C-alpha atoms as a PDB file:
ATOM      1  CA  MET A   1     -29.531-209.888 -31.458  1.00  0.00           C
ATOM      2  CA  ALA A   2     -32.324-210.454 -28.946  1.00  0.00           C
ATOM      3  CA  HIS A   3     -30.257-213.116 -27.220  1.00  0.00           C
ATOM      4  CA  ALA A   4     -27.338-210.726 -26.786  1.00  0.00           C
ATOM      5  CA  ILE A   5     -29.663-208.141 -25.254  1.00  0.00           C
ATOM      6  CA  ILE A   6     -31.171-210.757 -22.936  1.00  0.00           C
ATOM      7  CA  ASP A   7     -27.704-211.854 -21.819  1.00  0.00           C
ATOM      8  CA  HIS A   8     -26.659-208.276 -21.111  1.00  0.00           C
ATOM      9  CA  LEU A   9     -29.854-207.529 -19.194  1.00  0.00           C
ATOM     10  CA  ARG A  10     -29.202-210.622 -17.077  1.00  0.00           C
ATOM     11  CA  MET A  11     -25.673-209.434 -16.347  1.00  0.00           C
ATOM     12  CA  ILE A  12     -26.948-205.998 -15.323  1.00  0.00           C
ATOM     13  CA  GLY A  13     -29.716-207.546 -13.231  1.00  0.00           C
ATOM     14  CA  GLY A  14     -27.230-209.689 -11.360  1.00  0.00           C
ATOM     15  CA  ASP A  15     -24.525-207.076 -10.746  1.00  0.00           C
ATOM     16  CA  ALA A  16     -24.657-206.125  -7.051  1.00  0.00           C
ATOM     17  CA  ARG A  17     -22.463-203.075  -7.722  1.00  0.00           C
ATOM     18  CA  LEU A  18     -25.290-201.375  -9.618  1.00  0.00           C
ATOM     19  CA  ALA A  19     -28.221-199.478  -8.132  1.00  0.00           C
ATOM     20  CA  PRO A  20     -31.156-201.691  -7.112  1.00  0.00           C
ATOM     21  CA  ALA A  21     -33.564-199.765  -9.362  1.00  0.00           C
ATOM     22  CA  LEU A  22     -31.358-200.397 -12.397  1.00  0.00           C
ATOM     23  CA  ARG A  23     -31.024-204.108 -11.586  1.00  0.00           C
ATOM     24  CA  GLU A  24     -34.798-204.454 -11.113  1.00  0.00           C
ATOM     25  CA  CYS A  25     -35.491-202.691 -14.400  1.00  0.00           C
ATOM     26  CA  ALA A  26     -33.052-204.948 -16.260  1.00  0.00           C
ATOM     27  CA  GLN A  27     -34.571-208.067 -14.706  1.00  0.00           C
ATOM     28  CA  ALA A  28     -38.067-206.925 -15.674  1.00  0.00           C
ATOM     29  CA  LEU A  29     -37.002-206.348 -19.283  1.00  0.00           C
ATOM     30  CA  VAL A  30     -35.635-209.894 -19.684  1.00  0.00           C
ATOM     31  CA  ASP A  31     -39.162-211.330 -19.913  1.00  0.00           C
ATOM     32  CA  ASP A  32     -40.166-208.754 -22.533  1.00  0.00           C
ATOM     33  CA  TRP A  33     -37.142-209.541 -24.700  1.00  0.00           C
ATOM     34  CA  GLN A  34     -37.648-213.290 -24.325  1.00  0.00           C
ATOM     35  CA  GLY A  35     -41.225-212.853 -25.501  1.00  0.00           C
ATOM     36  CA  ASP A  36     -40.067-210.848 -28.503  1.00  0.00           C
ATOM     37  CA  ALA A  37     -37.507-213.521 -29.366  1.00  0.00           C
ATOM     38  CA  MET A  38     -40.158-216.238 -29.176  1.00  0.00           C
ATOM     39  CA  LEU A  39     -42.616-214.244 -31.313  1.00  0.00           C
ATOM     40  CA  SER A  40     -39.950-213.796 -33.962  1.00  0.00           C
ATOM     41  CA  GLY A  41     -39.461-217.580 -34.110  1.00  0.00           C
ATOM     42  CA  ASP A  42     -36.131-217.484 -32.321  1.00  0.00           C
ATOM     43  CA  ALA A  43     -36.652-219.481 -29.119  1.00  0.00           C
ATOM     44  CA  SER A  44     -34.800-218.112 -26.115  1.00  0.00           C
ATOM     45  CA  PRO A  45     -31.958-220.174 -24.672  1.00  0.00           C
ATOM     46  CA  SER A  46     -32.646-221.677 -21.251  1.00  0.00           C
ATOM     47  CA  SER A  47     -29.435-220.272 -19.793  1.00  0.00           C
ATOM     48  CA  PRO A  48     -27.194-217.320 -20.602  1.00  0.00           C
ATOM     49  CA  ARG A  49     -24.784-217.945 -23.431  1.00  0.00           C
ATOM     50  CA  SER A  50     -21.093-217.331 -23.273  1.00  0.00           C
ATOM     51  CA  TYR A  51     -19.534-215.420 -26.135  1.00  0.00           C
ATOM     52  CA  TYR A  52     -15.958-216.168 -25.101  1.00  0.00           C
END
């Protein structure tokens, strides 16, 4: 689940249509979620995954 959240935060952080404050917040949260994934023993992927 953490990986899905990380992927979505990356998408939000990279979407130029969204407000800068929202993109910055999403980008800042990626590191927190990656840390949580690592602490839970689920290493974070090096690049966003595709679910399609």
